[in-house]
Amino acid sequence: MKNSILAILCCLMVSASANAALALDRTRVVYEGDSKVETVRIKNPADIPFLAQSWLTDMDGKDVEDKFIVVPPVLRIESKDYAMLRIKSLPTASQLPQDRETAYFLHVREVPPSEDEKSADEKADTATGSIQIAIESVIKFFYRPASLNKIKRVDKAVASATKIKRKGSNKIVLENGSPFYVTYSELLVGKSSKAAGFKPVMLAPFTSRTLKVEKSDRYELSHINDYGATVTNTFYCNSQDICTAKDESEG
């Protein structure tokens, strides 16, 4: 059930990025545990004003209201203007695990303008029976407890804690041994051959996933960092079928 919800939300994110009138300033939010508030900028490049309705859900799609609040939950953004959305933690957020991240989804739904605010062309479309669809953008929201702030180089920590374990000739176990949620975006077998059938996968902290991938002595594995950029590491396998990332700083 959870995998189905994640698949649907991923589709929503792709659809939203292609068709949404409102644009968010990032693809993910990292809320550090010692922060008072995190802000997200929403831009309206359209020729008409829009309302933005925002809320958080957990990984199962259930509304989250007892740990964080989104303010304002509904805001008006004028044409060619922007507004700031604020996310604040409640005292109960301290009840979340303090040794690993917790993941949520931030939803921003754009509400079409009223008839009085529509342009002449839009009023004509409505008159001819065109259907207006409220587009919803969905991005990942990670609560990162203050205890993890001591890890200054998150990308390096993720690479060091990631393991690829070979199982036979056509399976691997991708293991995220870090306290962070990690989205693995691409896997190459050897130096340049894309792993057949591999799809981006997000692994929760200290979890693993078995995948159908052919056996190799070397893999190129990419993950998405806090800023939405792609980070690629080379993994070399030993005689025990365990593949670890090479520390590029060692040359």
C-alpha atoms as a PDB file:
ATOM      1  CA  MET A   1       0.000   0.000   0.000  1.00  0.00           C
ATOM      2  CA  LYS A   2       2.770   2.422   0.953  1.00  0.00           C
ATOM      3  CA  ASN A   3       4.670   1.707  -2.288  1.00  0.00           C
ATOM      4  CA  SER A   4       1.509   2.428  -4.291  1.00  0.00           C
ATOM      5  CA  ILE A   5       1.043   5.756  -2.521  1.00  0.00           C
ATOM      6  CA  LEU A   6       4.673   6.682  -3.139  1.00  0.00           C
ATOM      7  CA  ALA A   7       4.316   5.827  -6.829  1.00  0.00           C
ATOM      8  CA  ILE A   8       1.206   7.990  -7.141  1.00  0.00           C
ATOM      9  CA  LEU A   9       2.884  10.897  -5.360  1.00  0.00           C
ATOM     10  CA  CYS A  10       5.921  10.616  -7.630  1.00  0.00           C
ATOM     11  CA  CYS A  11       3.613  10.859 -10.643  1.00  0.00           C
ATOM     12  CA  LEU A  12       1.987  13.918  -9.101  1.00  0.00           C
ATOM     13  CA  MET A  13       5.386  15.534  -8.659  1.00  0.00           C
ATOM     14  CA  VAL A  14       6.300  14.965 -12.322  1.00  0.00           C
ATOM     15  CA  SER A  15       2.921  16.204 -13.513  1.00  0.00           C
ATOM     16  CA  ALA A  16       3.045  19.246 -11.270  1.00  0.00           C
ATOM     17  CA  SER A  17       6.483  20.326 -12.419  1.00  0.00           C
ATOM     18  CA  ALA A  18       5.345  20.216 -16.033  1.00  0.00           C
ATOM     19  CA  ASN A  19       1.986  21.972 -15.704  1.00  0.00           C
ATOM     20  CA  ALA A  20       1.789  23.951 -12.464  1.00  0.00           C
ATOM     21  CA  ALA A  21       1.312  27.716 -12.589  1.00  0.00           C
ATOM     22  CA  LEU A  22       2.951  28.135  -9.175  1.00  0.00           C
ATOM     23  CA  ALA A  23       6.640  27.292  -8.778  1.00  0.00           C
ATOM     24  CA  LEU A  24       8.446  26.262  -5.574  1.00  0.00           C
ATOM     25  CA  ASP A  25      12.038  27.343  -5.004  1.00  0.00           C
ATOM     26  CA  ARG A  26      13.244  23.823  -4.216  1.00  0.00           C
ATOM     27  CA  THR A  27      12.521  20.135  -4.743  1.00  0.00           C
ATOM     28  CA  ARG A  28      12.887  19.137  -1.085  1.00  0.00           C
ATOM     29  CA  VAL A  29      12.880  20.675   2.376  1.00  0.00           C
ATOM     30  CA  VAL A  30      15.284  19.704   5.155  1.00  0.00           C
ATOM     31  CA  TYR A  31      14.008  20.893   8.529  1.00  0.00           C
ATOM     32  CA  GLU A  32      16.823  20.822  11.060  1.00  0.00           C
ATOM     33  CA  GLY A  33      15.744  19.940  14.573  1.00  0.00           C
ATOM     34  CA  ASP A  34      17.211  23.036  16.180  1.00  0.00           C
ATOM     35  CA  SER A  35      15.464  25.395  13.737  1.00  0.00           C
ATOM     36  CA  LYS A  36      12.458  27.491  14.676  1.00  0.00           C
ATOM     37  CA  VAL A  37      11.024  27.722  11.175  1.00  0.00           C
ATOM     38  CA  GLU A  38      11.745  26.705   7.591  1.00  0.00           C
ATOM     39  CA  THR A  39      10.561  28.828   4.668  1.00  0.00           C
ATOM     40  CA  VAL A  40       9.604  27.902   1.115  1.00  0.00           C
ATOM     41  CA  ARG A  41       9.254  30.538  -1.580  1.00  0.00           C
ATOM     42  CA  ILE A  42       6.317  30.171  -3.971  1.00  0.00           C
ATOM     43  CA  LYS A  43       6.408  32.162  -7.207  1.00  0.00           C
ATOM     44  CA  ASN A  44       3.445  32.976  -9.445  1.00  0.00           C
ATOM     45  CA  PRO A  45       4.690  33.732 -12.986  1.00  0.00           C
ATOM     46  CA  ALA A  46       1.142  33.719 -14.380  1.00  0.00           C
ATOM     47  CA  ASP A  47      -0.787  36.783 -15.543  1.00  0.00           C
ATOM     48  CA  ILE A  48      -3.482  36.255 -12.923  1.00  0.00           C
ATOM     49  CA  PRO A  49      -3.452  35.754  -9.125  1.00  0.00           C
ATOM     50  CA  PHE A  50      -3.647  32.294  -7.584  1.00  0.00           C
ATOM     51  CA  LEU A  51      -4.411  30.900  -4.153  1.00  0.00           C
ATOM     52  CA  ALA A  52      -1.989  28.340  -2.735  1.00  0.00           C
ATOM     53  CA  GLN A  53      -3.291  25.753  -0.272  1.00  0.00           C
ATOM     54  CA  SER A  54      -0.522  23.938   1.624  1.00  0.00           C
ATOM     55  CA  TRP A  55      -0.301  21.038   4.079  1.00  0.00           C
ATOM     56  CA  LEU A  56       1.904  18.149   5.205  1.00  0.00           C
ATOM     57  CA  THR A  57       1.223  14.413   5.052  1.00  0.00           C
ATOM     58  CA  ASP A  58       3.141  11.418   6.298  1.00  0.00           C
ATOM     59  CA  MET A  59       4.465   8.688   4.011  1.00  0.00           C
ATOM     60  CA  ASP A  60       1.068   6.980   4.051  1.00  0.00           C
ATOM     61  CA  GLY A  61      -0.713  10.115   2.856  1.00  0.00           C
ATOM     62  CA  LYS A  62      -2.284  10.988   6.213  1.00  0.00           C
ATOM     63  CA  ASP A  63      -2.441  14.656   7.220  1.00  0.00           C
ATOM     64  CA  VAL A  64       0.173  15.761   9.752  1.00  0.00           C
ATOM     65  CA  GLU A  65      -1.055  18.335  12.239  1.00  0.00           C
ATOM     66  CA  ASP A  66       0.409  17.237  15.568  1.00  0.00           C
ATOM     67  CA  LYS A  67       4.133  17.736  14.819  1.00  0.00           C
ATOM     68  CA  PHE A  68       4.299  20.638  12.347  1.00  0.00           C
ATOM     69  CA  ILE A  69       2.108  23.463  11.117  1.00  0.00           C
ATOM     70  CA  VAL A  70       2.167  25.190   7.741  1.00  0.00           C
ATOM     71  CA  VAL A  71       1.394  28.913   7.842  1.00  0.00           C
ATOM     72  CA  PRO A  72      -0.503  30.335   6.268  1.00  0.00           C
ATOM     73  CA  PRO A  73      -2.395  27.221   5.135  1.00  0.00           C
ATOM     74  CA  VAL A  74      -3.948  29.287   2.344  1.00  0.00           C
ATOM     75  CA  LEU A  75      -2.327  32.344   0.807  1.00  0.00           C
ATOM     76  CA  ARG A  76      -2.953  34.570  -2.195  1.00  0.00           C
ATOM     77  CA  ILE A  77      -0.103  35.218  -4.626  1.00  0.00           C
ATOM     78  CA  GLU A  78      -0.507  38.091  -7.050  1.00  0.00           C
ATOM     79  CA  SER A  79       0.483  37.904 -10.705  1.00  0.00           C
ATOM     80  CA  LYS A  80       4.269  37.963 -11.271  1.00  0.00           C
ATOM     81  CA  ASP A  81       4.812  37.999  -7.512  1.00  0.00           C
ATOM     82  CA  TYR A  82       5.914  35.551  -4.827  1.00  0.00           C
ATOM     83  CA  ALA A  83       5.033  34.660  -1.249  1.00  0.00           C
ATOM     84  CA  MET A  84       6.778  32.871   1.602  1.00  0.00           C
ATOM     85  CA  LEU A  85       5.369  29.713   3.158  1.00  0.00           C
ATOM     86  CA  ARG A  86       6.531  28.965   6.701  1.00  0.00           C
ATOM     87  CA  ILE A  87       6.720  25.558   8.334  1.00  0.00           C
ATOM     88  CA  LYS A  88       7.014  25.506  12.115  1.00  0.00           C
ATOM     89  CA  SER A  89       7.598  22.596  14.457  1.00  0.00           C
ATOM     90  CA  LEU A  90       5.388  22.028  17.475  1.00  0.00           C
ATOM     91  CA  PRO A  91       6.735  20.868  20.863  1.00  0.00           C
ATOM     92  CA  THR A  92       5.548  17.337  20.017  1.00  0.00           C
ATOM     93  CA  ALA A  93       8.132  17.172  17.211  1.00  0.00           C
ATOM     94  CA  SER A  94      10.651  16.292  19.928  1.00  0.00           C
ATOM     95  CA  GLN A  95       8.883  12.919  20.179  1.00  0.00           C
ATOM     96  CA  LEU A  96      10.145  11.972  16.713  1.00  0.00           C
ATOM     97  CA  PRO A  97      13.182   9.649  16.474  1.00  0.00           C
ATOM     98  CA  GLN A  98      16.331  11.583  17.336  1.00  0.00           C
ATOM     99  CA  ASP A  99      18.818   9.169  15.768  1.00  0.00           C
ATOM    100  CA  ARG A 100      17.478   9.354  12.208  1.00  0.00           C
ATOM    101  CA  GLU A 101      15.409  11.453   9.819  1.00  0.00           C
ATOM    102  CA  THR A 102      11.626  11.314   9.523  1.00  0.00           C
ATOM    103  CA  ALA A 103      10.076  11.893   6.092  1.00  0.00           C
ATOM    104  CA  TYR A 104       6.888  13.666   5.071  1.00  0.00           C
ATOM    105  CA  PHE A 105       5.420  15.209   1.944  1.00  0.00           C
ATOM    106  CA  LEU A 106       4.700  18.924   1.525  1.00  0.00           C
ATOM    107  CA  HIS A 107       1.689  19.563  -0.718  1.00  0.00           C
ATOM    108  CA  VAL A 108       0.999  22.880  -2.440  1.00  0.00           C
ATOM    109  CA  ARG A 109      -2.254  23.000  -4.386  1.00  0.00           C
ATOM    110  CA  GLU A 110      -2.916  25.948  -6.659  1.00  0.00           C
ATOM    111  CA  VAL A 111      -6.512  27.164  -6.617  1.00  0.00           C
ATOM    112  CA  PRO A 112      -7.734  28.683  -9.926  1.00  0.00           C
ATOM    113  CA  PRO A 113      -8.895  32.306  -9.834  1.00  0.00           C
ATOM    114  CA  SER A 114     -12.522  33.320  -9.513  1.00  0.00           C
ATOM    115  CA  GLU A 115     -14.509  34.458 -12.548  1.00  0.00           C
ATOM    116  CA  ASP A 116     -13.871  38.119 -11.715  1.00  0.00           C
ATOM    117  CA  GLU A 117     -10.100  37.558 -11.756  1.00  0.00           C
ATOM    118  CA  LYS A 118      -9.911  35.649 -15.028  1.00  0.00           C
ATOM    119  CA  SER A 119      -8.632  37.183 -18.242  1.00  0.00           C
ATOM    120  CA  ALA A 120     -10.933  37.539 -21.251  1.00  0.00           C
ATOM    121  CA  ASP A 121      -9.401  34.452 -22.894  1.00  0.00           C
ATOM    122  CA  GLU A 122      -9.912  32.342 -19.755  1.00  0.00           C
ATOM    123  CA  LYS A 123     -13.523  33.464 -19.465  1.00  0.00           C
ATOM    124  CA  ALA A 124     -14.004  32.410 -23.077  1.00  0.00           C
ATOM    125  CA  ASP A 125     -12.510  28.981 -22.322  1.00  0.00           C
ATOM    126  CA  THR A 126     -14.918  28.549 -19.413  1.00  0.00           C
ATOM    127  CA  ALA A 127     -17.829  29.524 -21.621  1.00  0.00           C
ATOM    128  CA  THR A 128     -16.883  26.864 -24.174  1.00  0.00           C
ATOM    129  CA  GLY A 129     -16.814  24.155 -21.509  1.00  0.00           C
ATOM    130  CA  SER A 130     -13.075  23.877 -20.797  1.00  0.00           C
ATOM    131  CA  ILE A 131     -12.277  22.091 -17.537  1.00  0.00           C
ATOM    132  CA  GLN A 132     -10.019  23.729 -14.963  1.00  0.00           C
ATOM    133  CA  ILE A 133      -7.830  21.393 -12.931  1.00  0.00           C
ATOM    134  CA  ALA A 134      -6.258  22.327  -9.610  1.00  0.00           C
ATOM    135  CA  ILE A 135      -2.613  21.276  -9.949  1.00  0.00           C
ATOM    136  CA  GLU A 136      -0.884  19.964  -6.844  1.00  0.00           C
ATOM    137  CA  SER A 137       2.878  20.091  -6.355  1.00  0.00           C
ATOM    138  CA  VAL A 138       4.355  17.560  -3.924  1.00  0.00           C
ATOM    139  CA  ILE A 139       7.911  17.695  -2.571  1.00  0.00           C
ATOM    140  CA  LYS A 140       9.715  15.750   0.125  1.00  0.00           C
ATOM    141  CA  PHE A 141      10.009  17.193   3.627  1.00  0.00           C
ATOM    142  CA  PHE A 142      12.640  15.722   5.948  1.00  0.00           C
ATOM    143  CA  TYR A 143      12.832  16.354   9.679  1.00  0.00           C
ATOM    144  CA  ARG A 144      16.506  16.077  10.593  1.00  0.00           C
ATOM    145  CA  PRO A 145      17.061  15.931  14.379  1.00  0.00           C
ATOM    146  CA  ALA A 146      19.687  18.213  15.875  1.00  0.00           C
ATOM    147  CA  SER A 147      21.797  15.191  16.839  1.00  0.00           C
ATOM    148  CA  LEU A 148      22.652  14.710  13.152  1.00  0.00           C
ATOM    149  CA  ASN A 149      24.034  18.237  12.752  1.00  0.00           C
ATOM    150  CA  LYS A 150      27.427  16.937  13.837  1.00  0.00           C
ATOM    151  CA  ILE A 151      27.637  15.185  10.457  1.00  0.00           C
ATOM    152  CA  LYS A 152      29.012  18.047   8.364  1.00  0.00           C
ATOM    153  CA  ARG A 153      29.522  16.207   5.065  1.00  0.00           C
ATOM    154  CA  VAL A 154      26.225  14.434   4.513  1.00  0.00           C
ATOM    155  CA  ASP A 155      27.078  13.297   0.968  1.00  0.00           C
ATOM    156  CA  LYS A 156      30.249  11.592   2.168  1.00  0.00           C
ATOM    157  CA  ALA A 157      28.421  10.017   5.107  1.00  0.00           C
ATOM    158  CA  VAL A 158      25.756   8.623   2.784  1.00  0.00           C
ATOM    159  CA  ALA A 159      28.348   7.176   0.405  1.00  0.00           C
ATOM    160  CA  SER A 160      30.311   5.582   3.254  1.00  0.00           C
ATOM    161  CA  ALA A 161      27.178   4.049   4.789  1.00  0.00           C
ATOM    162  CA  THR A 162      25.808   2.714   1.496  1.00  0.00           C
ATOM    163  CA  LYS A 163      26.598  -0.896   0.643  1.00  0.00           C
ATOM    164  CA  ILE A 164      25.868  -3.004  -2.418  1.00  0.00           C
ATOM    165  CA  LYS A 165      25.792  -6.719  -1.678  1.00  0.00           C
ATOM    166  CA  ARG A 166      25.800  -9.136  -4.613  1.00  0.00           C
ATOM    167  CA  LYS A 167      23.442 -12.105  -4.477  1.00  0.00           C
ATOM    168  CA  GLY A 168      24.089 -14.635  -7.202  1.00  0.00           C
ATOM    169  CA  SER A 169      24.420 -13.479 -10.800  1.00  0.00           C
ATOM    170  CA  ASN A 170      21.382 -11.217 -11.125  1.00  0.00           C
ATOM    171  CA  LYS A 171      20.495  -9.684  -7.762  1.00  0.00           C
ATOM    172  CA  ILE A 172      21.930  -7.121  -5.390  1.00  0.00           C
ATOM    173  CA  VAL A 173      20.927  -5.819  -1.978  1.00  0.00           C
ATOM    174  CA  LEU A 174      21.115  -2.023  -1.852  1.00  0.00           C
ATOM    175  CA  GLU A 175      21.668  -1.047   1.765  1.00  0.00           C
ATOM    176  CA  ASN A 176      21.285   2.419   3.276  1.00  0.00           C
ATOM    177  CA  GLY A 177      23.191   2.276   6.541  1.00  0.00           C
ATOM    178  CA  SER A 178      22.950   6.021   7.147  1.00  0.00           C
ATOM    179  CA  PRO A 179      20.510   7.928   9.413  1.00  0.00           C
ATOM    180  CA  PHE A 180      19.261   9.860   6.354  1.00  0.00           C
ATOM    181  CA  TYR A 181      16.561   9.179   3.798  1.00  0.00           C
ATOM    182  CA  VAL A 182      18.390   8.585   0.520  1.00  0.00           C
ATOM    183  CA  THR A 183      16.999   8.663  -3.015  1.00  0.00           C
ATOM    184  CA  TYR A 184      19.207   6.550  -5.269  1.00  0.00           C
ATOM    185  CA  SER A 185      18.592   7.924  -8.752  1.00  0.00           C
ATOM    186  CA  GLU A 186      20.778   5.900 -11.121  1.00  0.00           C
ATOM    187  CA  LEU A 187      22.857   2.727 -11.170  1.00  0.00           C
ATOM    188  CA  LEU A 188      25.474   1.820 -13.766  1.00  0.00           C
ATOM    189  CA  VAL A 189      26.875  -1.688 -14.089  1.00  0.00           C
ATOM    190  CA  GLY A 190      30.585  -1.419 -14.743  1.00  0.00           C
ATOM    191  CA  LYS A 191      31.626   1.965 -16.113  1.00  0.00           C
ATOM    192  CA  SER A 192      28.801   2.928 -18.447  1.00  0.00           C
ATOM    193  CA  SER A 193      26.051   0.311 -18.799  1.00  0.00           C
ATOM    194  CA  LYS A 194      22.777   1.340 -17.162  1.00  0.00           C
ATOM    195  CA  ALA A 195      21.324  -1.354 -14.931  1.00  0.00           C
ATOM    196  CA  ALA A 196      18.374  -2.828 -16.807  1.00  0.00           C
ATOM    197  CA  GLY A 197      15.102  -2.182 -15.045  1.00  0.00           C
ATOM    198  CA  PHE A 198      16.586   0.002 -12.305  1.00  0.00           C
ATOM    199  CA  LYS A 199      14.244   2.754 -11.172  1.00  0.00           C
ATOM    200  CA  PRO A 200      14.947   5.543  -8.671  1.00  0.00           C
ATOM    201  CA  VAL A 201      14.290   4.318  -5.151  1.00  0.00           C
ATOM    202  CA  MET A 202      14.147   6.122  -1.811  1.00  0.00           C
ATOM    203  CA  LEU A 203      15.375   4.097   1.146  1.00  0.00           C
ATOM    204  CA  ALA A 204      14.563   4.973   4.730  1.00  0.00           C
ATOM    205  CA  PRO A 205      17.430   5.119   7.243  1.00  0.00           C
ATOM    206  CA  PHE A 206      18.988   1.744   8.090  1.00  0.00           C
ATOM    207  CA  THR A 207      16.932  -0.181   5.514  1.00  0.00           C
ATOM    208  CA  SER A 208      17.698  -2.170   2.370  1.00  0.00           C
ATOM    209  CA  ARG A 209      16.064  -3.275  -0.860  1.00  0.00           C
ATOM    210  CA  THR A 210      16.738  -6.316  -3.051  1.00  0.00           C
ATOM    211  CA  LEU A 211      16.959  -5.442  -6.748  1.00  0.00           C
ATOM    212  CA  LYS A 212      17.383  -7.415  -9.953  1.00  0.00           C
ATOM    213  CA  VAL A 213      20.760  -6.214 -11.219  1.00  0.00           C
ATOM    214  CA  GLU A 214      23.430  -8.191 -13.036  1.00  0.00           C
ATOM    215  CA  LYS A 215      26.657  -9.083 -11.296  1.00  0.00           C
ATOM    216  CA  SER A 216      29.685  -6.836 -11.741  1.00  0.00           C
ATOM    217  CA  ASP A 217      32.950  -6.020  -9.992  1.00  0.00           C
ATOM    218  CA  ARG A 218      32.136  -2.306 -10.123  1.00  0.00           C
ATOM    219  CA  TYR A 219      29.039  -0.108  -9.940  1.00  0.00           C
ATOM    220  CA  GLU A 220      28.385   3.610 -10.369  1.00  0.00           C
ATOM    221  CA  LEU A 221      25.623   4.637  -7.957  1.00  0.00           C
ATOM    222  CA  SER A 222      24.063   8.112  -7.846  1.00  0.00           C
ATOM    223  CA  HIS A 223      21.957   9.711  -5.136  1.00  0.00           C
ATOM    224  CA  ILE A 224      20.163  13.055  -4.747  1.00  0.00           C
ATOM    225  CA  ASN A 225      21.597  15.389  -2.120  1.00  0.00           C
ATOM    226  CA  ASP A 226      19.977  18.044   0.091  1.00  0.00           C
ATOM    227  CA  TYR A 227      20.041  20.579  -2.735  1.00  0.00           C
ATOM    228  CA  GLY A 228      18.496  18.361  -5.391  1.00  0.00           C
ATOM    229  CA  ALA A 229      21.840  17.765  -7.126  1.00  0.00           C
ATOM    230  CA  THR A 230      23.099  14.363  -8.245  1.00  0.00           C
ATOM    231  CA  VAL A 231      26.125  12.860  -6.480  1.00  0.00           C
ATOM    232  CA  THR A 232      27.804   9.819  -8.057  1.00  0.00           C
ATOM    233  CA  ASN A 233      30.140   7.371  -6.335  1.00  0.00           C
ATOM    234  CA  THR A 234      32.067   4.371  -7.608  1.00  0.00           C
ATOM    235  CA  PHE A 235      31.565   1.113  -5.710  1.00  0.00           C
ATOM    236  CA  TYR A 236      34.132  -1.699  -5.899  1.00  0.00           C
ATOM    237  CA  CYS A 237      33.304  -5.262  -4.871  1.00  0.00           C
ATOM    238  CA  ASN A 238      35.466  -7.623  -2.842  1.00  0.00           C
ATOM    239  CA  SER A 239      35.641 -11.412  -2.772  1.00  0.00           C
ATOM    240  CA  GLN A 240      32.862 -11.523  -0.161  1.00  0.00           C
ATOM    241  CA  ASP A 241      30.439  -9.903  -2.653  1.00  0.00           C
ATOM    242  CA  ILE A 242      30.292  -6.645  -0.682  1.00  0.00           C
ATOM    243  CA  CYS A 243      30.728  -3.435  -2.669  1.00  0.00           C
ATOM    244  CA  THR A 244      31.750  -0.179  -1.005  1.00  0.00           C
ATOM    245  CA  ALA A 245      32.304   3.358  -2.241  1.00  0.00           C
ATOM    246  CA  LYS A 246      35.780   4.562  -3.043  1.00  0.00           C
ATOM    247  CA  ASP A 247      36.787   7.607  -1.019  1.00  0.00           C
ATOM    248  CA  GLU A 248      37.595  10.104  -3.787  1.00  0.00           C
ATOM    249  CA  SER A 249      39.657  12.182  -1.349  1.00  0.00           C
ATOM    250  CA  GLU A 250      42.168   9.347  -1.245  1.00  0.00           C
ATOM    251  CA  GLY A 251      42.886   9.780  -4.949  1.00  0.00           C
END
